[in-house]
Amino acid sequence: MYEPKSSSITWGFVHFLGGAALGQYPQVCYDAFLSAVSERTGVTIIATPYELGTKHGEMAKKTRRAFERAKRVVQERNGLDAGENVLPVFYVGHSLGAKLHAVASFYDEESNDNSDSNSRSGSKQHFLVAFNNASATDSVKILEKFAKELLSKREGGGGEAASSQFDAIFDRLVPFAEVAAKAAGLEFSPNAVETLDGVANGKFKSDKVTLLSFTNDELDQCSSLREALADGGVRTNSVEIPGDHLSPVYLDLDKYAKMNPVMNRLSGVRIGDREAVERIANEMVKFLKS
């Protein structure tokens, strides 16, 4: 959780969901991005970790419930649980996290009917980064691309030990995941078509939507989401900036190596583009303040 440092009282909440695999460790993989936004705004950012699975509808509801519980704690601690103190909520997601936010919106009306006053929120707005709605088979390829791009983005040394450790992990993980997915015939629920149909049929509700894409991103599917949103009567703002699908991710493993002796071999390793993270943070700050 990232809370305002300059003031003990927040004026809004951000619910952040990261991409596939990376979303399991949001405060490691997205720390630079979330910290930058938190420091420049007065919102409270709640980053919900989640494990990969095929039941995206259940994953979406589970992460939303976790967010509501955390939000309620902050509200009660700051005396914001009364009806007159309803605050805006901003849903921010990267890649699969963007899809989960869209799917979670399908169940908002149902959850509101069963909620108490503490879980009520004000306006709901979405900032979706590099939305991805891939099939299960394609998602294996995405994980492989993530692995290769993460390896190619390594900055700093870390020595041969760190390099060989990365290579060994990904060399074993990717082929196994691909074989397992094909053997099981996995598919997501809702699948890609069902997700876009739900959006187009008006199940997605939002007061404001910004779709952020990158100039060098073969995995981005914001265009198909934008068309579905238009069919569902939701107006969107589209932004494209330099970068690729992994631009929101910046891992400073040197930071964690200093905190944990077990990670000493990764000392000096940084993965990602700090300038790209800053550009994304700038766009999100503009979104939050507009």
C-alpha atoms as a PDB file:
ATOM      1  CA  MET A   1       0.000   0.000   0.000  1.00  0.00           C
ATOM      2  CA  TYR A   2       1.219   3.504  -0.858  1.00  0.00           C
ATOM      3  CA  GLU A   3      -0.243   6.311   1.259  1.00  0.00           C
ATOM      4  CA  PRO A   4       0.267  10.087   1.033  1.00  0.00           C
ATOM      5  CA  LYS A   5       3.345  11.207   2.928  1.00  0.00           C
ATOM      6  CA  SER A   6       2.531  14.907   2.994  1.00  0.00           C
ATOM      7  CA  SER A   7      -0.904  14.399   4.508  1.00  0.00           C
ATOM      8  CA  SER A   8      -2.534  11.723   6.634  1.00  0.00           C
ATOM      9  CA  ILE A   9      -5.833  12.136   4.783  1.00  0.00           C
ATOM     10  CA  THR A  10      -6.293  10.777   1.268  1.00  0.00           C
ATOM     11  CA  TRP A  11      -8.657  12.283  -1.301  1.00  0.00           C
ATOM     12  CA  GLY A  12      -9.081   9.114  -3.381  1.00  0.00           C
ATOM     13  CA  PHE A  13      -8.071   5.505  -3.874  1.00  0.00           C
ATOM     14  CA  VAL A  14      -6.188   3.743  -6.657  1.00  0.00           C
ATOM     15  CA  HIS A  15      -6.614  -0.011  -7.070  1.00  0.00           C
ATOM     16  CA  PHE A  16      -3.639  -1.344  -9.021  1.00  0.00           C
ATOM     17  CA  LEU A  17      -3.328  -4.753 -10.694  1.00  0.00           C
ATOM     18  CA  GLY A  18      -0.146  -5.765 -12.497  1.00  0.00           C
ATOM     19  CA  GLY A  19       0.386  -8.030 -15.478  1.00  0.00           C
ATOM     20  CA  ALA A  20       0.570 -11.824 -15.708  1.00  0.00           C
ATOM     21  CA  ALA A  21       3.147 -13.313 -13.317  1.00  0.00           C
ATOM     22  CA  LEU A  22       4.508  -9.842 -12.484  1.00  0.00           C
ATOM     23  CA  GLY A  23       1.217  -8.985 -10.784  1.00  0.00           C
ATOM     24  CA  GLN A  24       1.998 -11.503  -8.063  1.00  0.00           C
ATOM     25  CA  TYR A  25       4.708  -9.130  -6.808  1.00  0.00           C
ATOM     26  CA  PRO A  26       3.376  -5.617  -7.557  1.00  0.00           C
ATOM     27  CA  GLN A  27       5.406  -3.832  -4.885  1.00  0.00           C
ATOM     28  CA  VAL A  28       8.599  -5.247  -6.374  1.00  0.00           C
ATOM     29  CA  CYS A  29       7.885  -5.133 -10.124  1.00  0.00           C
ATOM     30  CA  TYR A  30       5.958  -1.842 -10.119  1.00  0.00           C
ATOM     31  CA  ASP A  31       7.458  -0.085  -7.107  1.00  0.00           C
ATOM     32  CA  ALA A  32       9.157   2.681  -9.105  1.00  0.00           C
ATOM     33  CA  PHE A  33       5.933   3.485 -10.989  1.00  0.00           C
ATOM     34  CA  LEU A  34       3.609   3.382  -7.971  1.00  0.00           C
ATOM     35  CA  SER A  35       6.018   5.279  -5.730  1.00  0.00           C
ATOM     36  CA  ALA A  36       6.376   8.059  -8.299  1.00  0.00           C
ATOM     37  CA  VAL A  37       2.609   8.476  -8.590  1.00  0.00           C
ATOM     38  CA  SER A  38       2.080   8.296  -4.840  1.00  0.00           C
ATOM     39  CA  GLU A  39       4.707  10.940  -4.130  1.00  0.00           C
ATOM     40  CA  ARG A  40       3.161  13.403  -6.598  1.00  0.00           C
ATOM     41  CA  THR A  41      -0.495  12.971  -5.667  1.00  0.00           C
ATOM     42  CA  GLY A  42      -2.540  12.653  -2.519  1.00  0.00           C
ATOM     43  CA  VAL A  43      -4.183   9.342  -3.327  1.00  0.00           C
ATOM     44  CA  THR A  44      -3.793   6.036  -1.542  1.00  0.00           C
ATOM     45  CA  ILE A  45      -2.611   3.258  -3.877  1.00  0.00           C
ATOM     46  CA  ILE A  46      -3.597  -0.296  -2.990  1.00  0.00           C
ATOM     47  CA  ALA A  47      -1.711  -2.849  -5.111  1.00  0.00           C
ATOM     48  CA  THR A  48      -3.389  -6.248  -4.921  1.00  0.00           C
ATOM     49  CA  PRO A  49      -1.207  -9.287  -5.704  1.00  0.00           C
ATOM     50  CA  TYR A  50      -2.787 -12.259  -7.443  1.00  0.00           C
ATOM     51  CA  GLU A  51      -1.716 -15.688  -8.633  1.00  0.00           C
ATOM     52  CA  LEU A  52      -2.113 -16.770 -12.242  1.00  0.00           C
ATOM     53  CA  GLY A  53      -5.151 -18.871 -13.062  1.00  0.00           C
ATOM     54  CA  THR A  54      -7.676 -19.586 -15.801  1.00  0.00           C
ATOM     55  CA  LYS A  55     -10.812 -18.340 -14.022  1.00  0.00           C
ATOM     56  CA  HIS A  56     -10.405 -14.638 -14.659  1.00  0.00           C
ATOM     57  CA  GLY A  57     -13.899 -13.824 -13.438  1.00  0.00           C
ATOM     58  CA  GLU A  58     -13.153 -15.322 -10.029  1.00  0.00           C
ATOM     59  CA  MET A  59      -9.720 -13.693  -9.957  1.00  0.00           C
ATOM     60  CA  ALA A  60     -11.294 -10.308 -10.736  1.00  0.00           C
ATOM     61  CA  LYS A  61     -13.849 -10.645  -7.955  1.00  0.00           C
ATOM     62  CA  LYS A  62     -11.246 -11.871  -5.467  1.00  0.00           C
ATOM     63  CA  THR A  63      -8.884  -8.959  -6.113  1.00  0.00           C
ATOM     64  CA  ARG A  64     -11.779  -6.495  -5.927  1.00  0.00           C
ATOM     65  CA  ARG A  65     -12.886  -7.890  -2.560  1.00  0.00           C
ATOM     66  CA  ALA A  66      -9.307  -7.658  -1.261  1.00  0.00           C
ATOM     67  CA  PHE A  67      -9.150  -4.036  -2.389  1.00  0.00           C
ATOM     68  CA  GLU A  68     -12.454  -3.199  -0.703  1.00  0.00           C
ATOM     69  CA  ARG A  69     -11.237  -4.684   2.584  1.00  0.00           C
ATOM     70  CA  ALA A  70      -8.007  -2.683   2.471  1.00  0.00           C
ATOM     71  CA  LYS A  71      -9.875   0.476   1.488  1.00  0.00           C
ATOM     72  CA  ARG A  72     -12.266   0.031   4.384  1.00  0.00           C
ATOM     73  CA  VAL A  73      -9.331  -0.158   6.827  1.00  0.00           C
ATOM     74  CA  VAL A  74      -7.938   3.142   5.511  1.00  0.00           C
ATOM     75  CA  GLN A  75     -11.365   4.780   5.584  1.00  0.00           C
ATOM     76  CA  GLU A  76     -12.051   3.781   9.162  1.00  0.00           C
ATOM     77  CA  ARG A  77      -8.579   4.768  10.304  1.00  0.00           C
ATOM     78  CA  ASN A  78      -9.033   8.240   8.824  1.00  0.00           C
ATOM     79  CA  GLY A  79     -12.698   8.713   9.714  1.00  0.00           C
ATOM     80  CA  LEU A  80     -13.800   8.474   6.083  1.00  0.00           C
ATOM     81  CA  ASP A  81     -16.377   5.724   6.428  1.00  0.00           C
ATOM     82  CA  ALA A  82     -19.405   7.996   6.701  1.00  0.00           C
ATOM     83  CA  GLY A  83     -21.694   8.467   3.706  1.00  0.00           C
ATOM     84  CA  GLU A  84     -20.715  12.104   3.249  1.00  0.00           C
ATOM     85  CA  ASN A  85     -17.057  11.126   2.835  1.00  0.00           C
ATOM     86  CA  VAL A  86     -17.430   8.908  -0.227  1.00  0.00           C
ATOM     87  CA  LEU A  87     -14.212   9.192  -2.254  1.00  0.00           C
ATOM     88  CA  PRO A  88     -13.437   8.528  -5.932  1.00  0.00           C
ATOM     89  CA  VAL A  89     -11.843   5.236  -6.928  1.00  0.00           C
ATOM     90  CA  PHE A  90      -9.375   4.893  -9.814  1.00  0.00           C
ATOM     91  CA  TYR A  91      -8.837   1.420 -11.261  1.00  0.00           C
ATOM     92  CA  VAL A  92      -5.374   1.080 -12.792  1.00  0.00           C
ATOM     93  CA  GLY A  93      -4.158  -2.072 -14.493  1.00  0.00           C
ATOM     94  CA  HIS A  94      -1.317  -3.240 -16.714  1.00  0.00           C
ATOM     95  CA  SER A  95      -1.764  -5.979 -19.351  1.00  0.00           C
ATOM     96  CA  LEU A  96      -3.749  -8.825 -17.734  1.00  0.00           C
ATOM     97  CA  GLY A  97      -4.417  -6.514 -14.792  1.00  0.00           C
ATOM     98  CA  ALA A  98      -6.279  -4.195 -17.178  1.00  0.00           C
ATOM     99  CA  LYS A  99      -8.438  -7.116 -18.314  1.00  0.00           C
ATOM    100  CA  LEU A 100      -9.199  -8.107 -14.727  1.00  0.00           C
ATOM    101  CA  HIS A 101     -10.402  -4.571 -13.994  1.00  0.00           C
ATOM    102  CA  ALA A 102     -12.686  -4.706 -17.026  1.00  0.00           C
ATOM    103  CA  VAL A 103     -14.076  -8.082 -15.969  1.00  0.00           C
ATOM    104  CA  ALA A 104     -14.514  -6.960 -12.347  1.00  0.00           C
ATOM    105  CA  SER A 105     -16.719  -4.149 -13.608  1.00  0.00           C
ATOM    106  CA  PHE A 106     -19.172  -6.782 -14.902  1.00  0.00           C
ATOM    107  CA  TYR A 107     -19.957  -7.690 -11.281  1.00  0.00           C
ATOM    108  CA  ASP A 108     -20.086  -4.177  -9.789  1.00  0.00           C
ATOM    109  CA  GLU A 109     -23.877  -3.943  -9.742  1.00  0.00           C
ATOM    110  CA  GLU A 110     -24.121  -7.353  -8.073  1.00  0.00           C
ATOM    111  CA  SER A 111     -21.556  -6.462  -5.403  1.00  0.00           C
ATOM    112  CA  ASN A 112     -23.126  -3.061  -4.733  1.00  0.00           C
ATOM    113  CA  ASP A 113     -26.455  -4.717  -3.994  1.00  0.00           C
ATOM    114  CA  ASN A 114     -24.802  -6.822  -1.282  1.00  0.00           C
ATOM    115  CA  SER A 115     -22.473  -4.213   0.207  1.00  0.00           C
ATOM    116  CA  ASP A 116     -22.756  -1.973   3.237  1.00  0.00           C
ATOM    117  CA  SER A 117     -22.136   1.762   3.402  1.00  0.00           C
ATOM    118  CA  ASN A 118     -18.450   1.266   4.213  1.00  0.00           C
ATOM    119  CA  SER A 119     -17.757  -0.256   0.787  1.00  0.00           C
ATOM    120  CA  ARG A 120     -19.568   2.407  -1.201  1.00  0.00           C
ATOM    121  CA  SER A 121     -17.428   4.578  -3.435  1.00  0.00           C
ATOM    122  CA  GLY A 122     -17.800   7.736  -5.425  1.00  0.00           C
ATOM    123  CA  SER A 123     -16.945   8.075  -9.091  1.00  0.00           C
ATOM    124  CA  LYS A 124     -15.185   5.125 -10.740  1.00  0.00           C
ATOM    125  CA  GLN A 125     -12.516   5.812 -13.324  1.00  0.00           C
ATOM    126  CA  HIS A 126     -10.164   3.529 -15.237  1.00  0.00           C
ATOM    127  CA  PHE A 127      -6.566   3.977 -16.397  1.00  0.00           C
ATOM    128  CA  LEU A 128      -5.741   0.846 -18.383  1.00  0.00           C
ATOM    129  CA  VAL A 129      -2.180   0.317 -19.605  1.00  0.00           C
ATOM    130  CA  ALA A 130      -1.374  -2.007 -22.529  1.00  0.00           C
ATOM    131  CA  PHE A 131      -4.640  -3.949 -22.156  1.00  0.00           C
ATOM    132  CA  ASN A 132      -4.168  -7.603 -23.057  1.00  0.00           C
ATOM    133  CA  ASN A 133      -6.975 -10.081 -23.648  1.00  0.00           C
ATOM    134  CA  ALA A 134      -5.005 -13.052 -24.971  1.00  0.00           C
ATOM    135  CA  SER A 135      -6.093 -16.683 -25.075  1.00  0.00           C
ATOM    136  CA  ALA A 136      -4.467 -19.202 -22.745  1.00  0.00           C
ATOM    137  CA  THR A 137      -2.192 -20.508 -25.507  1.00  0.00           C
ATOM    138  CA  ASP A 138      -1.068 -17.000 -26.450  1.00  0.00           C
ATOM    139  CA  SER A 139      -0.490 -16.147 -22.792  1.00  0.00           C
ATOM    140  CA  VAL A 140       2.254 -18.771 -22.625  1.00  0.00           C
ATOM    141  CA  LYS A 141       3.958 -16.960 -25.488  1.00  0.00           C
ATOM    142  CA  ILE A 142       3.499 -13.679 -23.594  1.00  0.00           C
ATOM    143  CA  LEU A 143       5.231 -15.117 -20.533  1.00  0.00           C
ATOM    144  CA  GLU A 144       8.069 -16.278 -22.755  1.00  0.00           C
ATOM    145  CA  LYS A 145       8.325 -12.800 -24.271  1.00  0.00           C
ATOM    146  CA  PHE A 146       8.298 -11.292 -20.772  1.00  0.00           C
ATOM    147  CA  ALA A 147      11.177 -13.554 -19.777  1.00  0.00           C
ATOM    148  CA  LYS A 148      13.264 -12.707 -22.842  1.00  0.00           C
ATOM    149  CA  GLU A 149      12.592  -8.976 -22.578  1.00  0.00           C
ATOM    150  CA  LEU A 150      13.362  -8.929 -18.877  1.00  0.00           C
ATOM    151  CA  LEU A 151      16.656 -10.625 -19.580  1.00  0.00           C
ATOM    152  CA  SER A 152      17.484  -8.202 -22.391  1.00  0.00           C
ATOM    153  CA  LYS A 153      16.660  -5.202 -20.175  1.00  0.00           C
ATOM    154  CA  ARG A 154      19.099  -6.091 -17.422  1.00  0.00           C
ATOM    155  CA  GLU A 155      21.204  -3.153 -16.357  1.00  0.00           C
ATOM    156  CA  GLY A 156      24.244  -3.358 -14.188  1.00  0.00           C
ATOM    157  CA  GLY A 157      26.408  -6.324 -13.471  1.00  0.00           C
ATOM    158  CA  GLY A 158      25.333  -8.929 -11.008  1.00  0.00           C
ATOM    159  CA  GLY A 159      28.125 -11.101 -12.385  1.00  0.00           C
ATOM    160  CA  GLU A 160      27.961 -14.461 -14.093  1.00  0.00           C
ATOM    161  CA  ALA A 161      26.176 -16.000 -11.111  1.00  0.00           C
ATOM    162  CA  ALA A 162      23.169 -13.674 -11.478  1.00  0.00           C
ATOM    163  CA  SER A 163      23.104 -14.128 -15.241  1.00  0.00           C
ATOM    164  CA  SER A 164      23.213 -17.907 -15.079  1.00  0.00           C
ATOM    165  CA  GLN A 165      20.543 -17.905 -12.360  1.00  0.00           C
ATOM    166  CA  PHE A 166      18.141 -15.940 -14.589  1.00  0.00           C
ATOM    167  CA  ASP A 167      18.880 -18.130 -17.608  1.00  0.00           C
ATOM    168  CA  ALA A 168      18.360 -21.369 -15.702  1.00  0.00           C
ATOM    169  CA  ILE A 169      14.994 -20.268 -14.313  1.00  0.00           C
ATOM    170  CA  PHE A 170      13.529 -19.165 -17.629  1.00  0.00           C
ATOM    171  CA  ASP A 171      15.025 -21.990 -19.702  1.00  0.00           C
ATOM    172  CA  ARG A 172      13.188 -24.503 -17.530  1.00  0.00           C
ATOM    173  CA  LEU A 173       9.984 -22.595 -16.876  1.00  0.00           C
ATOM    174  CA  VAL A 174       8.904 -21.528 -20.368  1.00  0.00           C
ATOM    175  CA  PRO A 175       9.013 -24.906 -22.203  1.00  0.00           C
ATOM    176  CA  PHE A 176       7.292 -26.619 -19.269  1.00  0.00           C
ATOM    177  CA  ALA A 177       4.502 -24.029 -19.188  1.00  0.00           C
ATOM    178  CA  GLU A 178       3.941 -24.334 -22.930  1.00  0.00           C
ATOM    179  CA  VAL A 179       3.689 -28.142 -22.832  1.00  0.00           C
ATOM    180  CA  ALA A 180       1.398 -28.047 -19.792  1.00  0.00           C
ATOM    181  CA  ALA A 181      -0.965 -25.521 -21.385  1.00  0.00           C
ATOM    182  CA  LYS A 182      -1.284 -27.510 -24.614  1.00  0.00           C
ATOM    183  CA  ALA A 183      -1.760 -30.808 -22.806  1.00  0.00           C
ATOM    184  CA  ALA A 184      -4.500 -29.460 -20.565  1.00  0.00           C
ATOM    185  CA  GLY A 185      -6.288 -27.548 -23.333  1.00  0.00           C
ATOM    186  CA  LEU A 186      -6.595 -24.576 -21.023  1.00  0.00           C
ATOM    187  CA  GLU A 187      -8.848 -21.615 -21.726  1.00  0.00           C
ATOM    188  CA  PHE A 188      -9.685 -18.554 -19.715  1.00  0.00           C
ATOM    189  CA  SER A 189     -13.107 -17.734 -18.313  1.00  0.00           C
ATOM    190  CA  PRO A 190     -14.310 -15.347 -19.536  1.00  0.00           C
ATOM    191  CA  ASN A 191     -12.320 -15.873 -22.718  1.00  0.00           C
ATOM    192  CA  ALA A 192     -11.221 -13.100 -25.074  1.00  0.00           C
ATOM    193  CA  VAL A 193     -14.474 -12.964 -27.049  1.00  0.00           C
ATOM    194  CA  GLU A 194     -16.681 -13.089 -23.941  1.00  0.00           C
ATOM    195  CA  THR A 195     -14.725 -10.266 -22.336  1.00  0.00           C
ATOM    196  CA  LEU A 196     -15.136  -7.917 -25.291  1.00  0.00           C
ATOM    197  CA  ASP A 197     -18.800  -8.916 -25.708  1.00  0.00           C
ATOM    198  CA  GLY A 198     -19.443  -8.041 -22.078  1.00  0.00           C
ATOM    199  CA  VAL A 199     -17.865  -4.613 -22.560  1.00  0.00           C
ATOM    200  CA  ALA A 200     -19.753  -3.999 -25.817  1.00  0.00           C
ATOM    201  CA  ASN A 201     -23.051  -5.018 -24.189  1.00  0.00           C
ATOM    202  CA  GLY A 202     -22.761  -2.342 -21.533  1.00  0.00           C
ATOM    203  CA  LYS A 203     -21.547  -4.412 -18.576  1.00  0.00           C
ATOM    204  CA  PHE A 204     -18.489  -2.180 -18.187  1.00  0.00           C
ATOM    205  CA  LYS A 205     -19.337   1.002 -16.269  1.00  0.00           C
ATOM    206  CA  SER A 206     -16.941   3.883 -15.786  1.00  0.00           C
ATOM    207  CA  ASP A 207     -17.131   7.650 -15.467  1.00  0.00           C
ATOM    208  CA  LYS A 208     -13.813   8.120 -17.287  1.00  0.00           C
ATOM    209  CA  VAL A 209     -11.504   5.773 -19.191  1.00  0.00           C
ATOM    210  CA  THR A 210      -7.981   6.380 -20.450  1.00  0.00           C
ATOM    211  CA  LEU A 211      -6.235   3.692 -22.512  1.00  0.00           C
ATOM    212  CA  LEU A 212      -2.448   3.986 -22.542  1.00  0.00           C
ATOM    213  CA  SER A 213      -0.498   2.236 -25.305  1.00  0.00           C
ATOM    214  CA  PHE A 214       3.161   2.082 -26.286  1.00  0.00           C
ATOM    215  CA  THR A 215       4.703   2.654 -29.688  1.00  0.00           C
ATOM    216  CA  ASN A 216       6.570  -0.670 -29.716  1.00  0.00           C
ATOM    217  CA  ASP A 217       4.106  -3.153 -28.242  1.00  0.00           C
ATOM    218  CA  GLU A 218       2.941  -6.217 -30.175  1.00  0.00           C
ATOM    219  CA  LEU A 219       0.960  -7.503 -27.171  1.00  0.00           C
ATOM    220  CA  ASP A 220      -1.255  -4.449 -26.739  1.00  0.00           C
ATOM    221  CA  GLN A 221      -4.963  -4.898 -27.548  1.00  0.00           C
ATOM    222  CA  CYS A 222      -6.275  -1.477 -26.569  1.00  0.00           C
ATOM    223  CA  SER A 223      -7.751  -0.926 -30.034  1.00  0.00           C
ATOM    224  CA  SER A 224     -10.180  -3.861 -29.683  1.00  0.00           C
ATOM    225  CA  LEU A 225     -11.125  -2.712 -26.184  1.00  0.00           C
ATOM    226  CA  ARG A 226     -11.684   0.836 -27.436  1.00  0.00           C
ATOM    227  CA  GLU A 227     -14.085  -0.444 -30.116  1.00  0.00           C
ATOM    228  CA  ALA A 228     -15.990  -2.529 -27.557  1.00  0.00           C
ATOM    229  CA  LEU A 229     -16.201   0.423 -25.180  1.00  0.00           C
ATOM    230  CA  ALA A 230     -17.605   2.594 -27.959  1.00  0.00           C
ATOM    231  CA  ASP A 231     -20.247  -0.062 -28.696  1.00  0.00           C
ATOM    232  CA  GLY A 232     -21.111  -0.080 -24.994  1.00  0.00           C
ATOM    233  CA  GLY A 233     -21.509   3.689 -24.904  1.00  0.00           C
ATOM    234  CA  VAL A 234     -18.355   4.419 -22.895  1.00  0.00           C
ATOM    235  CA  ARG A 235     -16.236   7.341 -24.041  1.00  0.00           C
ATOM    236  CA  THR A 236     -12.473   6.846 -23.898  1.00  0.00           C
ATOM    237  CA  ASN A 237      -9.308   8.874 -24.125  1.00  0.00           C
ATOM    238  CA  SER A 238      -6.407   7.160 -25.900  1.00  0.00           C
ATOM    239  CA  VAL A 239      -2.761   8.017 -25.287  1.00  0.00           C
ATOM    240  CA  GLU A 240       0.325   6.563 -26.970  1.00  0.00           C
ATOM    241  CA  ILE A 241       3.833   7.148 -25.669  1.00  0.00           C
ATOM    242  CA  PRO A 242       7.273   5.679 -26.444  1.00  0.00           C
ATOM    243  CA  GLY A 243       7.905   2.289 -24.896  1.00  0.00           C
ATOM    244  CA  ASP A 244       7.009  -1.385 -25.044  1.00  0.00           C
ATOM    245  CA  HIS A 245       4.803  -3.822 -23.155  1.00  0.00           C
ATOM    246  CA  LEU A 246       7.167  -4.026 -20.193  1.00  0.00           C
ATOM    247  CA  SER A 247       7.745  -0.292 -19.811  1.00  0.00           C
ATOM    248  CA  PRO A 248       5.776  -0.014 -16.515  1.00  0.00           C
ATOM    249  CA  VAL A 249       8.081  -2.604 -14.932  1.00  0.00           C
ATOM    250  CA  TYR A 250      11.305  -1.618 -13.215  1.00  0.00           C
ATOM    251  CA  LEU A 251      13.042  -4.026 -10.848  1.00  0.00           C
ATOM    252  CA  ASP A 252      15.767  -2.638  -8.655  1.00  0.00           C
ATOM    253  CA  LEU A 253      17.143  -5.938  -7.406  1.00  0.00           C
ATOM    254  CA  ASP A 254      20.069  -4.122  -5.845  1.00  0.00           C
ATOM    255  CA  LYS A 255      17.600  -2.603  -3.372  1.00  0.00           C
ATOM    256  CA  TYR A 256      16.372  -6.027  -2.282  1.00  0.00           C
ATOM    257  CA  ALA A 257      19.860  -7.540  -2.269  1.00  0.00           C
ATOM    258  CA  LYS A 258      20.804  -5.010   0.406  1.00  0.00           C
ATOM    259  CA  MET A 259      17.738  -5.985   2.440  1.00  0.00           C
ATOM    260  CA  ASN A 260      18.060  -9.757   2.064  1.00  0.00           C
ATOM    261  CA  PRO A 261      21.436 -11.575   2.151  1.00  0.00           C
ATOM    262  CA  VAL A 262      19.906 -14.443   0.138  1.00  0.00           C
ATOM    263  CA  MET A 263      19.733 -12.101  -2.873  1.00  0.00           C
ATOM    264  CA  ASN A 264      23.331 -10.897  -2.632  1.00  0.00           C
ATOM    265  CA  ARG A 265      24.143 -12.494  -5.995  1.00  0.00           C
ATOM    266  CA  LEU A 266      21.729 -10.073  -7.656  1.00  0.00           C
ATOM    267  CA  SER A 267      23.442  -7.005  -6.228  1.00  0.00           C
ATOM    268  CA  GLY A 268      23.792  -4.324  -8.875  1.00  0.00           C
ATOM    269  CA  VAL A 269      21.111  -5.745 -11.188  1.00  0.00           C
ATOM    270  CA  ARG A 270      18.396  -3.398 -12.413  1.00  0.00           C
ATOM    271  CA  ILE A 271      15.780  -4.406 -14.972  1.00  0.00           C
ATOM    272  CA  GLY A 272      13.772  -1.891 -16.962  1.00  0.00           C
ATOM    273  CA  ASP A 273      13.809   1.680 -18.228  1.00  0.00           C
ATOM    274  CA  ARG A 274      13.498   4.310 -15.481  1.00  0.00           C
ATOM    275  CA  GLU A 275      12.761   7.066 -17.996  1.00  0.00           C
ATOM    276  CA  ALA A 276       9.883   5.052 -19.471  1.00  0.00           C
ATOM    277  CA  VAL A 277       8.439   4.562 -15.988  1.00  0.00           C
ATOM    278  CA  GLU A 278       8.609   8.312 -15.444  1.00  0.00           C
ATOM    279  CA  ARG A 279       6.695   8.963 -18.687  1.00  0.00           C
ATOM    280  CA  ILE A 280       3.945   6.563 -17.608  1.00  0.00           C
ATOM    281  CA  ALA A 281       3.789   8.136 -14.157  1.00  0.00           C
ATOM    282  CA  ASN A 282       3.413  11.562 -15.790  1.00  0.00           C
ATOM    283  CA  GLU A 283       0.408  10.338 -17.785  1.00  0.00           C
ATOM    284  CA  MET A 284      -1.226   8.797 -14.740  1.00  0.00           C
ATOM    285  CA  VAL A 285      -0.709  11.935 -12.670  1.00  0.00           C
ATOM    286  CA  LYS A 286      -2.408  13.953 -15.408  1.00  0.00           C
ATOM    287  CA  PHE A 287      -5.259  11.431 -15.431  1.00  0.00           C
ATOM    288  CA  LEU A 288      -5.718  11.631 -11.658  1.00  0.00           C
ATOM    289  CA  LYS A 289      -5.702  15.429 -11.632  1.00  0.00           C
ATOM    290  CA  SER A 290      -7.929  16.003 -14.662  1.00  0.00           C
END
